[in-house]
Amino acid sequence: MKLLFDQNLSYRLVAKVSDAFPKSAHVAALNLDKASDYNVWEFAKTNGFVIVTKDSDFNDLTTYHGFPPHIIWLRSGNSSVDKNAELLLRHAMQIQSMILSNETGIVEVIG
């Protein structure tokens, strides 16, 4: 499962979670940092990414348009890169299980 980190998250997360989530990327590395949320959402859908974000905009898109792409909504407030990485890694199995079950489009990770 490859993750696509939204602009509101650090590009450094890619390296920190690469063992659990290989082939992940940050929107800036794909020249999507200036793209609209809808264009990022479409890119993720077309290219098999799961979007990781801290805001509700992608959740609204998924609620309206369905899934894929799936969304991981990090609900950790103003937290460090290390804390966000730790949350994703600690919940990696649950995240993968929920997304692979295809029963929900949005996975909230609260920390």
Protein backbone atom coordinates (compact mmCIF):
# COMPACT_ATOMS: atom_id res chain seq x y z
CA MET A 1 0.00 0.00 0.00
CA LYS A 2 1.48 3.32 -1.02
CA LEU A 3 0.62 6.56 0.72
CA LEU A 4 0.37 10.04 -0.75
CA PHE A 5 1.09 12.68 1.87
CA ASP A 6 -0.88 15.91 1.59
CA GLN A 7 0.79 19.31 1.57
CA ASN A 8 -0.10 19.83 5.24
CA LEU A 9 2.25 17.00 6.23
CA SER A 10 6.03 16.89 6.05
CA TYR A 11 7.80 15.27 3.11
CA ARG A 12 10.07 13.62 5.73
CA LEU A 13 7.25 11.20 6.58
CA VAL A 14 7.88 9.31 3.34
CA ALA A 15 11.28 8.03 4.51
CA LYS A 16 10.08 7.38 8.06
CA VAL A 17 7.29 5.00 6.98
CA SER A 18 8.89 3.50 3.87
CA ASP A 19 9.41 0.04 5.38
CA ALA A 20 5.71 -0.35 6.18
CA PHE A 21 4.42 1.67 3.22
CA PRO A 22 6.85 1.33 0.28
CA LYS A 23 6.49 3.52 -2.82
CA SER A 24 4.83 6.28 -0.82
CA ALA A 25 5.28 9.89 -1.91
CA HIS A 26 4.64 13.48 -0.93
CA VAL A 27 2.55 15.73 -3.19
CA ALA A 28 5.51 18.11 -3.64
CA ALA A 29 7.69 15.32 -5.05
CA LEU A 30 5.03 14.67 -7.68
CA ASN A 31 4.57 18.37 -8.54
CA LEU A 32 1.11 18.34 -6.97
CA ASP A 33 1.85 20.81 -4.19
CA LYS A 34 -0.05 23.57 -6.03
CA ALA A 35 -2.80 21.27 -7.33
CA SER A 36 -6.35 21.48 -6.06
CA ASP A 37 -7.53 18.88 -3.58
CA TYR A 38 -9.73 17.40 -6.30
CA ASN A 39 -6.75 17.03 -8.67
CA VAL A 40 -4.70 15.36 -5.92
CA TRP A 41 -7.66 13.09 -5.18
CA GLU A 42 -7.95 12.17 -8.88
CA PHE A 43 -4.20 11.52 -9.11
CA ALA A 44 -4.38 9.22 -6.08
CA LYS A 45 -7.34 7.37 -7.54
CA THR A 46 -5.67 6.89 -10.92
CA ASN A 47 -2.31 5.84 -9.47
CA GLY A 48 -3.39 3.63 -6.57
CA PHE A 49 -2.40 5.88 -3.67
CA VAL A 50 -4.03 6.24 -0.27
CA ILE A 51 -4.12 9.92 0.73
CA VAL A 52 -2.82 10.88 4.18
CA THR A 53 -4.03 14.25 5.41
CA LYS A 54 -4.76 16.31 8.50
CA ASP A 55 -7.71 18.26 7.13
CA SER A 56 -11.27 17.35 6.24
CA ASP A 57 -11.27 18.40 2.57
CA PHE A 58 -10.34 14.97 1.23
CA ASN A 59 -12.87 13.36 3.54
CA ASP A 60 -15.54 15.56 1.97
CA LEU A 61 -14.43 14.48 -1.52
CA THR A 62 -14.58 10.82 -0.55
CA THR A 63 -17.98 11.25 1.07
CA TYR A 64 -19.28 12.89 -2.10
CA HIS A 65 -17.50 10.84 -4.81
CA GLY A 66 -16.89 7.54 -3.02
CA PHE A 67 -13.66 5.58 -2.93
CA PRO A 68 -11.00 4.79 -4.01
CA PRO A 69 -8.90 6.60 -3.20
CA HIS A 70 -9.03 5.83 0.47
CA ILE A 71 -8.18 8.52 3.00
CA ILE A 72 -6.17 8.28 6.21
CA TRP A 73 -7.18 11.24 8.35
CA LEU A 74 -4.51 11.93 10.97
CA ARG A 75 -6.22 13.47 13.99
CA SER A 76 -3.12 14.34 15.99
CA GLY A 77 -3.27 18.13 16.20
CA ASN A 78 -0.02 20.04 15.85
CA SER A 79 2.37 17.14 16.20
CA SER A 80 5.90 16.40 15.10
CA VAL A 81 6.97 14.37 12.10
CA ASP A 82 8.17 11.64 14.47
CA LYS A 83 4.80 11.48 16.25
CA ASN A 84 2.88 11.29 12.96
CA ALA A 85 5.20 8.56 11.69
CA GLU A 86 4.84 6.66 14.96
CA LEU A 87 1.03 6.84 14.70
CA LEU A 88 1.04 5.51 11.16
CA LEU A 89 3.48 2.72 12.00
CA ARG A 90 1.70 1.74 15.21
CA HIS A 91 -1.59 1.45 13.34
CA ALA A 92 -0.19 0.12 10.04
CA MET A 93 -1.80 -3.32 10.30
CA GLN A 94 -5.21 -1.87 11.23
CA ILE A 95 -4.98 0.74 8.46
CA GLN A 96 -4.11 -1.88 5.86
CA SER A 97 -6.82 -4.23 7.09
CA MET A 98 -9.52 -1.54 7.00
CA ILE A 99 -8.53 -0.34 3.54
CA LEU A 100 -8.21 -3.84 2.11
CA SER A 101 -11.65 -4.72 3.47
CA ASN A 102 -12.97 -1.89 1.27
CA GLU A 103 -15.84 -1.25 3.68
CA THR A 104 -14.90 2.36 4.43
CA GLY A 105 -13.21 5.10 2.48
CA ILE A 106 -11.91 7.04 5.46
CA VAL A 107 -9.69 5.70 8.22
CA GLU A 108 -9.23 8.03 11.19
CA VAL A 109 -6.01 7.71 13.15
CA ILE A 110 -6.30 9.55 16.44
CA GLY A 111 -3.28 10.31 18.53
